[in-house]
Amino acid sequence: MEQNICPKTWLAESILTTLFCCLPFGVVGIVYAAQVTSLFSQGNYAAAQETSRKAGMWTKISFFVGLGVIVIYLLMTLFLGFSWFDAYGVN
């Protein structure tokens, strides 16, 4: 990896996953993402690379946890909805 190229910050992705998926893990991703550019501009390339990796990891965790919760919610709503219809004899 060349040292004159700033690693990916993951800031936009972190903000989106915080808003739409999982708030706690997304905030951790935002914190790491916000540090990447400042570490790079200070010349600390290894730390910028590591922080970028952590930002990406937390952003992905936030996305998949949020996606999992949404899928579980939809499945529960679907199955509980069908059982409610059966219990009350709704056609």
PDB file of N, CA and C in Angstrom:
ATOM      1  N   MET A   1       0.848  -1.189   0.000  1.00  0.00           N
ATOM      2  CA  MET A   1       0.000   0.000   0.000  1.00  0.00           C
ATOM      3  C   MET A   1       0.879   1.233   0.000  1.00  0.00           C
ATOM      4  N   GLU A   2       0.593   2.133  -0.875  1.00  0.00           N
ATOM      5  CA  GLU A   2       1.351   3.376  -0.923  1.00  0.00           C
ATOM      6  C   GLU A   2       0.955   4.261   0.244  1.00  0.00           C
ATOM      7  N   GLN A   3       1.934   4.983   0.752  1.00  0.00           N
ATOM      8  CA  GLN A   3       1.669   5.814   1.919  1.00  0.00           C
ATOM      9  C   GLN A   3       1.097   7.177   1.550  1.00  0.00           C
ATOM     10  N   ASN A   4       1.038   7.512   0.273  1.00  0.00           N
ATOM     11  CA  ASN A   4       0.502   8.813  -0.099  1.00  0.00           C
ATOM     12  C   ASN A   4      -0.981   8.750  -0.473  1.00  0.00           C
ATOM     13  N   ILE A   5      -1.598   7.586  -0.328  1.00  0.00           N
ATOM     14  CA  ILE A   5      -3.025   7.441  -0.609  1.00  0.00           C
ATOM     15  C   ILE A   5      -3.754   7.209   0.713  1.00  0.00           C
ATOM     16  N   CYS A   6      -4.701   8.069   0.997  1.00  0.00           N
ATOM     17  CA  CYS A   6      -5.463   7.962   2.243  1.00  0.00           C
ATOM     18  C   CYS A   6      -6.367   6.729   2.191  1.00  0.00           C
ATOM     19  N   PRO A   7      -6.375   5.936   3.256  1.00  0.00           N
ATOM     20  CA  PRO A   7      -7.278   4.778   3.287  1.00  0.00           C
ATOM     21  C   PRO A   7      -8.743   5.215   3.271  1.00  0.00           C
ATOM     22  N   LYS A   8      -9.604   4.298   2.894  1.00  0.00           N
ATOM     23  CA  LYS A   8     -11.040   4.578   2.868  1.00  0.00           C
ATOM     24  C   LYS A   8     -11.506   4.953   4.271  1.00  0.00           C
ATOM     25  N   THR A   9     -12.317   6.006   4.351  1.00  0.00           N
ATOM     26  CA  THR A   9     -12.745   6.470   5.672  1.00  0.00           C
ATOM     27  C   THR A   9     -13.992   5.764   6.188  1.00  0.00           C
ATOM     28  N   TRP A  10     -14.864   5.284   5.323  1.00  0.00           N
ATOM     29  CA  TRP A  10     -16.108   4.630   5.703  1.00  0.00           C
ATOM     30  C   TRP A  10     -17.100   5.579   6.376  1.00  0.00           C
ATOM     31  N   LEU A  11     -16.903   6.885   6.272  1.00  0.00           N
ATOM     32  CA  LEU A  11     -17.750   7.829   6.996  1.00  0.00           C
ATOM     33  C   LEU A  11     -19.187   7.829   6.472  1.00  0.00           C
ATOM     34  N   ALA A  12     -19.373   7.910   5.165  1.00  0.00           N
ATOM     35  CA  ALA A  12     -20.734   7.933   4.614  1.00  0.00           C
ATOM     36  C   ALA A  12     -21.474   6.638   4.935  1.00  0.00           C
ATOM     37  N   GLU A  13     -20.785   5.512   4.780  1.00  0.00           N
ATOM     38  CA  GLU A  13     -21.399   4.228   5.068  1.00  0.00           C
ATOM     39  C   GLU A  13     -21.755   4.103   6.547  1.00  0.00           C
ATOM     40  N   SER A  14     -20.869   4.593   7.408  1.00  0.00           N
ATOM     41  CA  SER A  14     -21.126   4.533   8.849  1.00  0.00           C
ATOM     42  C   SER A  14     -22.339   5.365   9.232  1.00  0.00           C
ATOM     43  N   ILE A  15     -22.451   6.533   8.644  1.00  0.00           N
ATOM     44  CA  ILE A  15     -23.605   7.399   8.943  1.00  0.00           C
ATOM     45  C   ILE A  15     -24.898   6.733   8.480  1.00  0.00           C
ATOM     46  N   LEU A  16     -24.885   6.160   7.292  1.00  0.00           N
ATOM     47  CA  LEU A  16     -26.090   5.513   6.770  1.00  0.00           C
ATOM     48  C   LEU A  16     -26.485   4.294   7.595  1.00  0.00           C
ATOM     49  N   THR A  17     -25.519   3.477   7.980  1.00  0.00           N
ATOM     50  CA  THR A  17     -25.876   2.309   8.790  1.00  0.00           C
ATOM     51  C   THR A  17     -26.322   2.720  10.186  1.00  0.00           C
ATOM     52  N   THR A  18     -25.810   3.833  10.684  1.00  0.00           N
ATOM     53  CA  THR A  18     -26.276   4.323  11.974  1.00  0.00           C
ATOM     54  C   THR A  18     -27.731   4.758  11.886  1.00  0.00           C
ATOM     55  N   LEU A  19     -28.075   5.445  10.827  1.00  0.00           N
ATOM     56  CA  LEU A  19     -29.447   5.935  10.670  1.00  0.00           C
ATOM     57  C   LEU A  19     -30.440   4.826  10.368  1.00  0.00           C
ATOM     58  N   PHE A  20     -30.052   3.853   9.542  1.00  0.00           N
ATOM     59  CA  PHE A  20     -31.017   2.887   9.035  1.00  0.00           C
ATOM     60  C   PHE A  20     -30.878   1.480   9.595  1.00  0.00           C
ATOM     61  N   CYS A  21     -29.793   1.157  10.259  1.00  0.00           N
ATOM     62  CA  CYS A  21     -29.599  -0.237  10.677  1.00  0.00           C
ATOM     63  C   CYS A  21     -29.476  -0.393  12.187  1.00  0.00           C
ATOM     64  N   CYS A  22     -28.347  -0.036  12.730  1.00  0.00           N
ATOM     65  CA  CYS A  22     -28.092  -0.318  14.142  1.00  0.00           C
ATOM     66  C   CYS A  22     -27.314   0.848  14.748  1.00  0.00           C
ATOM     67  N   LEU A  23     -27.981   1.620  15.564  1.00  0.00           N
ATOM     68  CA  LEU A  23     -27.403   2.842  16.117  1.00  0.00           C
ATOM     69  C   LEU A  23     -26.122   2.615  16.929  1.00  0.00           C
ATOM     70  N   PRO A  24     -26.079   1.711  17.906  1.00  0.00           N
ATOM     71  CA  PRO A  24     -24.858   1.620  18.736  1.00  0.00           C
ATOM     72  C   PRO A  24     -23.604   1.257  17.950  1.00  0.00           C
ATOM     73  N   PHE A  25     -23.696   0.247  17.089  1.00  0.00           N
ATOM     74  CA  PHE A  25     -22.516  -0.169  16.325  1.00  0.00           C
ATOM     75  C   PHE A  25     -22.158   0.850  15.253  1.00  0.00           C
ATOM     76  N   GLY A  26     -23.152   1.515  14.707  1.00  0.00           N
ATOM     77  CA  GLY A  26     -22.899   2.548  13.707  1.00  0.00           C
ATOM     78  C   GLY A  26     -22.144   3.734  14.283  1.00  0.00           C
ATOM     79  N   VAL A  27     -22.457   4.087  15.520  1.00  0.00           N
ATOM     80  CA  VAL A  27     -21.753   5.201  16.170  1.00  0.00           C
ATOM     81  C   VAL A  27     -20.281   4.861  16.354  1.00  0.00           C
ATOM     82  N   VAL A  28     -19.989   3.631  16.717  1.00  0.00           N
ATOM     83  CA  VAL A  28     -18.585   3.210  16.845  1.00  0.00           C
ATOM     84  C   VAL A  28     -17.894   3.333  15.492  1.00  0.00           C
ATOM     85  N   GLY A  29     -18.579   2.939  14.426  1.00  0.00           N
ATOM     86  CA  GLY A  29     -18.021   3.081  13.081  1.00  0.00           C
ATOM     87  C   GLY A  29     -17.757   4.529  12.718  1.00  0.00           C
ATOM     88  N   ILE A  30     -18.665   5.428  13.103  1.00  0.00           N
ATOM     89  CA  ILE A  30     -18.472   6.858  12.827  1.00  0.00           C
ATOM     90  C   ILE A  30     -17.257   7.388  13.568  1.00  0.00           C
ATOM     91  N   VAL A  31     -17.089   6.978  14.812  1.00  0.00           N
ATOM     92  CA  VAL A  31     -15.942   7.454  15.601  1.00  0.00           C
ATOM     93  C   VAL A  31     -14.632   7.042  14.934  1.00  0.00           C
ATOM     94  N   TYR A  32     -14.535   5.779  14.532  1.00  0.00           N
ATOM     95  CA  TYR A  32     -13.319   5.334  13.850  1.00  0.00           C
ATOM     96  C   TYR A  32     -13.155   6.016  12.493  1.00  0.00           C
ATOM     97  N   ALA A  33     -14.246   6.156  11.753  1.00  0.00           N
ATOM     98  CA  ALA A  33     -14.170   6.763  10.424  1.00  0.00           C
ATOM     99  C   ALA A  33     -13.702   8.211  10.497  1.00  0.00           C
ATOM    100  N   ALA A  34     -14.113   8.918  11.534  1.00  0.00           N
ATOM    101  CA  ALA A  34     -13.721  10.320  11.676  1.00  0.00           C
ATOM    102  C   ALA A  34     -12.235  10.476  11.982  1.00  0.00           C
ATOM    103  N   GLN A  35     -11.599   9.434  12.475  1.00  0.00           N
ATOM    104  CA  GLN A  35     -10.178   9.513  12.842  1.00  0.00           C
ATOM    105  C   GLN A  35      -9.234   9.222  11.680  1.00  0.00           C
ATOM    106  N   VAL A  36      -9.722   8.593  10.632  1.00  0.00           N
ATOM    107  CA  VAL A  36      -8.844   8.133   9.548  1.00  0.00           C
ATOM    108  C   VAL A  36      -8.113   9.291   8.877  1.00  0.00           C
ATOM    109  N   THR A  37      -8.836  10.315   8.459  1.00  0.00           N
ATOM    110  CA  THR A  37      -8.219  11.422   7.730  1.00  0.00           C
ATOM    111  C   THR A  37      -7.229  12.188   8.595  1.00  0.00           C
ATOM    112  N   SER A  38      -7.565  12.395   9.863  1.00  0.00           N
ATOM    113  CA  SER A  38      -6.644  13.153  10.720  1.00  0.00           C
ATOM    114  C   SER A  38      -5.366  12.359  10.984  1.00  0.00           C
ATOM    115  N   LEU A  39      -5.472  11.055  11.177  1.00  0.00           N
ATOM    116  CA  LEU A  39      -4.268  10.238  11.357  1.00  0.00           C
ATOM    117  C   LEU A  39      -3.420  10.235  10.094  1.00  0.00           C
ATOM    118  N   PHE A  40      -4.061  10.166   8.947  1.00  0.00           N
ATOM    119  CA  PHE A  40      -3.325  10.183   7.681  1.00  0.00           C
ATOM    120  C   PHE A  40      -2.610  11.515   7.492  1.00  0.00           C
ATOM    121  N   SER A  41      -3.295  12.610   7.788  1.00  0.00           N
ATOM    122  CA  SER A  41      -2.677  13.923   7.594  1.00  0.00           C
ATOM    123  C   SER A  41      -1.541  14.181   8.590  1.00  0.00           C
ATOM    124  N   GLN A  42      -1.551  13.482   9.715  1.00  0.00           N
ATOM    125  CA  GLN A  42      -0.454  13.590  10.680  1.00  0.00           C
ATOM    126  C   GLN A  42       0.749  12.743  10.274  1.00  0.00           C
ATOM    127  N   GLY A  43       0.577  11.937   9.236  1.00  0.00           N
ATOM    128  CA  GLY A  43       1.666  11.087   8.767  1.00  0.00           C
ATOM    129  C   GLY A  43       1.684   9.721   9.422  1.00  0.00           C
ATOM    130  N   ASN A  44       0.695   9.402  10.223  1.00  0.00           N
ATOM    131  CA  ASN A  44       0.629   8.122  10.901  1.00  0.00           C
ATOM    132  C   ASN A  44      -0.147   7.144  10.010  1.00  0.00           C
ATOM    133  N   TYR A  45       0.531   6.636   8.987  1.00  0.00           N
ATOM    134  CA  TYR A  45      -0.118   5.829   7.956  1.00  0.00           C
ATOM    135  C   TYR A  45      -0.607   4.488   8.486  1.00  0.00           C
ATOM    136  N   ALA A  46       0.194   3.846   9.332  1.00  0.00           N
ATOM    137  CA  ALA A  46      -0.202   2.541   9.867  1.00  0.00           C
ATOM    138  C   ALA A  46      -1.453   2.673  10.737  1.00  0.00           C
ATOM    139  N   ALA A  47      -1.507   3.694  11.561  1.00  0.00           N
ATOM    140  CA  ALA A  47      -2.683   3.901  12.411  1.00  0.00           C
ATOM    141  C   ALA A  47      -3.904   4.258  11.571  1.00  0.00           C
ATOM    142  N   ALA A  48      -3.712   5.035  10.507  1.00  0.00           N
ATOM    143  CA  ALA A  48      -4.822   5.381   9.619  1.00  0.00           C
ATOM    144  C   ALA A  48      -5.365   4.131   8.939  1.00  0.00           C
ATOM    145  N   GLN A  49      -4.492   3.249   8.515  1.00  0.00           N
ATOM    146  CA  GLN A  49      -4.897   1.998   7.881  1.00  0.00           C
ATOM    147  C   GLN A  49      -5.675   1.124   8.867  1.00  0.00           C
ATOM    148  N   GLU A  50      -5.168   0.997  10.080  1.00  0.00           N
ATOM    149  CA  GLU A  50      -5.828   0.181  11.103  1.00  0.00           C
ATOM    150  C   GLU A  50      -7.180   0.772  11.499  1.00  0.00           C
ATOM    151  N   THR A  51      -7.244   2.076  11.627  1.00  0.00           N
ATOM    152  CA  THR A  51      -8.497   2.741  11.985  1.00  0.00           C
ATOM    153  C   THR A  51      -9.521   2.587  10.859  1.00  0.00           C
ATOM    154  N   SER A  52      -9.076   2.639   9.621  1.00  0.00           N
ATOM    155  CA  SER A  52      -9.961   2.413   8.486  1.00  0.00           C
ATOM    156  C   SER A  52     -10.511   0.990   8.508  1.00  0.00           C
ATOM    157  N   ARG A  53      -9.656   0.041   8.842  1.00  0.00           N
ATOM    158  CA  ARG A  53     -10.095  -1.352   8.938  1.00  0.00           C
ATOM    159  C   ARG A  53     -11.160  -1.505  10.028  1.00  0.00           C
ATOM    160  N   LYS A  54     -10.940  -0.878  11.186  1.00  0.00           N
ATOM    161  CA  LYS A  54     -11.909  -0.954  12.283  1.00  0.00           C
ATOM    162  C   LYS A  54     -13.216  -0.254  11.923  1.00  0.00           C
ATOM    163  N   ALA A  55     -13.135   0.871  11.239  1.00  0.00           N
ATOM    164  CA  ALA A  55     -14.344   1.578  10.814  1.00  0.00           C
ATOM    165  C   ALA A  55     -15.161   0.706   9.869  1.00  0.00           C
ATOM    166  N   GLY A  56     -14.495   0.053   8.933  1.00  0.00           N
ATOM    167  CA  GLY A  56     -15.189  -0.846   8.016  1.00  0.00           C
ATOM    168  C   GLY A  56     -15.807  -2.025   8.736  1.00  0.00           C
ATOM    169  N   MET A  57     -15.081  -2.578   9.701  1.00  0.00           N
ATOM    170  CA  MET A  57     -15.595  -3.713  10.459  1.00  0.00           C
ATOM    171  C   MET A  57     -16.866  -3.335  11.220  1.00  0.00           C
ATOM    172  N   TRP A  58     -16.839  -2.198  11.936  1.00  0.00           N
ATOM    173  CA  TRP A  58     -18.005  -1.790  12.718  1.00  0.00           C
ATOM    174  C   TRP A  58     -19.173  -1.373  11.828  1.00  0.00           C
ATOM    175  N   THR A  59     -18.880  -0.818  10.683  1.00  0.00           N
ATOM    176  CA  THR A  59     -19.937  -0.462   9.738  1.00  0.00           C
ATOM    177  C   THR A  59     -20.619  -1.719   9.222  1.00  0.00           C
ATOM    178  N   LYS A  60     -19.844  -2.730   8.894  1.00  0.00           N
ATOM    179  CA  LYS A  60     -20.415  -3.991   8.418  1.00  0.00           C
ATOM    180  C   LYS A  60     -21.194  -4.700   9.521  1.00  0.00           C
ATOM    181  N   ILE A  61     -20.672  -4.685  10.737  1.00  0.00           N
ATOM    182  CA  ILE A  61     -21.396  -5.276  11.864  1.00  0.00           C
ATOM    183  C   ILE A  61     -22.732  -4.574  12.047  1.00  0.00           C
ATOM    184  N   SER A  62     -22.726  -3.251  11.996  1.00  0.00           N
ATOM    185  CA  SER A  62     -23.958  -2.484  12.138  1.00  0.00           C
ATOM    186  C   SER A  62     -24.957  -2.851  11.054  1.00  0.00           C
ATOM    187  N   PHE A  63     -24.492  -2.978   9.831  1.00  0.00           N
ATOM    188  CA  PHE A  63     -25.377  -3.314   8.718  1.00  0.00           C
ATOM    189  C   PHE A  63     -26.004  -4.691   8.910  1.00  0.00           C
ATOM    190  N   PHE A  64     -25.180  -5.686   9.220  1.00  0.00           N
ATOM    191  CA  PHE A  64     -25.701  -7.047   9.308  1.00  0.00           C
ATOM    192  C   PHE A  64     -26.564  -7.262  10.550  1.00  0.00           C
ATOM    193  N   VAL A  65     -26.243  -6.618  11.656  1.00  0.00           N
ATOM    194  CA  VAL A  65     -27.108  -6.714  12.836  1.00  0.00           C
ATOM    195  C   VAL A  65     -28.457  -6.065  12.534  1.00  0.00           C
ATOM    196  N   GLY A  66     -28.429  -4.891  11.926  1.00  0.00           N
ATOM    197  CA  GLY A  66     -29.677  -4.226  11.558  1.00  0.00           C
ATOM    198  C   GLY A  66     -30.494  -5.048  10.585  1.00  0.00           C
ATOM    199  N   LEU A  67     -29.836  -5.629   9.590  1.00  0.00           N
ATOM    200  CA  LEU A  67     -30.520  -6.474   8.621  1.00  0.00           C
ATOM    201  C   LEU A  67     -31.130  -7.696   9.303  1.00  0.00           C
ATOM    202  N   GLY A  68     -30.386  -8.304  10.214  1.00  0.00           N
ATOM    203  CA  GLY A  68     -30.890  -9.461  10.949  1.00  0.00           C
ATOM    204  C   GLY A  68     -32.113  -9.120  11.784  1.00  0.00           C
ATOM    205  N   VAL A  69     -32.077  -7.980  12.454  1.00  0.00           N
ATOM    206  CA  VAL A  69     -33.220  -7.559  13.263  1.00  0.00           C
ATOM    207  C   VAL A  69     -34.440  -7.318  12.375  1.00  0.00           C
ATOM    208  N   ILE A  70     -34.241  -6.705  11.245  1.00  0.00           N
ATOM    209  CA  ILE A  70     -35.357  -6.448  10.322  1.00  0.00           C
ATOM    210  C   ILE A  70     -35.951  -7.760   9.819  1.00  0.00           C
ATOM    211  N   VAL A  71     -35.111  -8.716   9.455  1.00  0.00           N
ATOM    212  CA  VAL A  71     -35.596 -10.009   8.971  1.00  0.00           C
ATOM    213  C   VAL A  71     -36.366 -10.737  10.074  1.00  0.00           C
ATOM    214  N   ILE A  72     -35.815 -10.757  11.296  1.00  0.00           N
ATOM    215  CA  ILE A  72     -36.500 -11.405  12.415  1.00  0.00           C
ATOM    216  C   ILE A  72     -37.833 -10.725  12.686  1.00  0.00           C
ATOM    217  N   TYR A  73     -37.856  -9.398  12.650  1.00  0.00           N
ATOM    218  CA  TYR A  73     -39.107  -8.660  12.862  1.00  0.00           C
ATOM    219  C   TYR A  73     -40.149  -9.019  11.804  1.00  0.00           C
ATOM    220  N   LEU A  74     -39.735  -9.051  10.547  1.00  0.00           N
ATOM    221  CA  LEU A  74     -40.674  -9.384   9.473  1.00  0.00           C
ATOM    222  C   LEU A  74     -41.192 -10.815   9.592  1.00  0.00           C
ATOM    223  N   LEU A  75     -40.311 -11.759   9.936  1.00  0.00           N
ATOM    224  CA  LEU A  75     -40.735 -13.144  10.100  1.00  0.00           C
ATOM    225  C   LEU A  75     -41.707 -13.282  11.268  1.00  0.00           C
ATOM    226  N   MET A  76     -41.408 -12.631  12.375  1.00  0.00           N
ATOM    227  CA  MET A  76     -42.309 -12.690  13.528  1.00  0.00           C
ATOM    228  C   MET A  76     -43.657 -12.059  13.194  1.00  0.00           C
ATOM    229  N   THR A  77     -43.633 -10.935  12.514  1.00  0.00           N
ATOM    230  CA  THR A  77     -44.877 -10.277  12.129  1.00  0.00           C
ATOM    231  C   THR A  77     -45.683 -11.167  11.201  1.00  0.00           C
ATOM    232  N   LEU A  78     -45.013 -11.808  10.262  1.00  0.00           N
ATOM    233  CA  LEU A  78     -45.684 -12.693   9.318  1.00  0.00           C
ATOM    234  C   LEU A  78     -46.319 -13.878  10.038  1.00  0.00           C
ATOM    235  N   PHE A  79     -45.540 -14.568  10.889  1.00  0.00           N
ATOM    236  CA  PHE A  79     -46.058 -15.756  11.557  1.00  0.00           C
ATOM    237  C   PHE A  79     -47.075 -15.415  12.642  1.00  0.00           C
ATOM    238  N   LEU A  80     -46.838 -14.362  13.402  1.00  0.00           N
ATOM    239  CA  LEU A  80     -47.812 -13.970  14.418  1.00  0.00           C
ATOM    240  C   LEU A  80     -49.083 -13.435  13.769  1.00  0.00           C
ATOM    241  N   GLY A  81     -48.942 -12.792  12.640  1.00  0.00           N
ATOM    242  CA  GLY A  81     -50.116 -12.310  11.918  1.00  0.00           C
ATOM    243  C   GLY A  81     -50.978 -13.451  11.440  1.00  0.00           C
ATOM    244  N   PHE A  82     -50.352 -14.508  10.905  1.00  0.00           N
ATOM    245  CA  PHE A  82     -51.108 -15.669  10.464  1.00  0.00           C
ATOM    246  C   PHE A  82     -51.774 -16.373  11.640  1.00  0.00           C
ATOM    247  N   SER A  83     -51.066 -16.475  12.767  1.00  0.00           N
ATOM    248  CA  SER A  83     -51.668 -17.139  13.923  1.00  0.00           C
ATOM    249  C   SER A  83     -52.825 -16.310  14.477  1.00  0.00           C
ATOM    250  N   TRP A  84     -52.750 -14.990  14.381  1.00  0.00           N
ATOM    251  CA  TRP A  84     -53.847 -14.130  14.833  1.00  0.00           C
ATOM    252  C   TRP A  84     -55.074 -14.344  13.944  1.00  0.00           C
ATOM    253  N   PHE A  85     -54.846 -14.441  12.636  1.00  0.00           N
ATOM    254  CA  PHE A  85     -55.958 -14.693  11.725  1.00  0.00           C
ATOM    255  C   PHE A  85     -56.609 -16.038  12.015  1.00  0.00           C
ATOM    256  N   ASP A  86     -55.803 -17.058  12.292  1.00  0.00           N
ATOM    257  CA  ASP A  86     -56.348 -18.379  12.599  1.00  0.00           C
ATOM    258  C   ASP A  86     -57.112 -18.369  13.917  1.00  0.00           C
ATOM    259  N   ALA A  87     -56.593 -17.674  14.919  1.00  0.00           N
ATOM    260  CA  ALA A  87     -57.219 -17.655  16.247  1.00  0.00           C
ATOM    261  C   ALA A  87     -58.580 -16.978  16.217  1.00  0.00           C
ATOM    262  N   TYR A  88     -58.732 -15.960  15.396  1.00  0.00           N
ATOM    263  CA  TYR A  88     -59.990 -15.199  15.361  1.00  0.00           C
ATOM    264  C   TYR A  88     -60.866 -15.558  14.167  1.00  0.00           C
ATOM    265  N   GLY A  89     -60.476 -16.562  13.416  1.00  0.00           N
ATOM    266  CA  GLY A  89     -61.296 -17.038  12.313  1.00  0.00           C
ATOM    267  C   GLY A  89     -61.482 -16.049  11.189  1.00  0.00           C
ATOM    268  N   VAL A  90     -60.504 -15.180  10.987  1.00  0.00           N
ATOM    269  CA  VAL A  90     -60.597 -14.195   9.909  1.00  0.00           C
ATOM    270  C   VAL A  90     -60.220 -14.890   8.612  1.00  0.00           C
ATOM    271  N   ASN A  91     -61.005 -14.691   7.594  1.00  0.00           N
ATOM    272  CA  ASN A  91     -60.724 -15.330   6.302  1.00  0.00           C
ATOM    273  C   ASN A  91     -59.839 -14.498   5.454  1.00  0.00           C
TER     274      ASN A  91
END
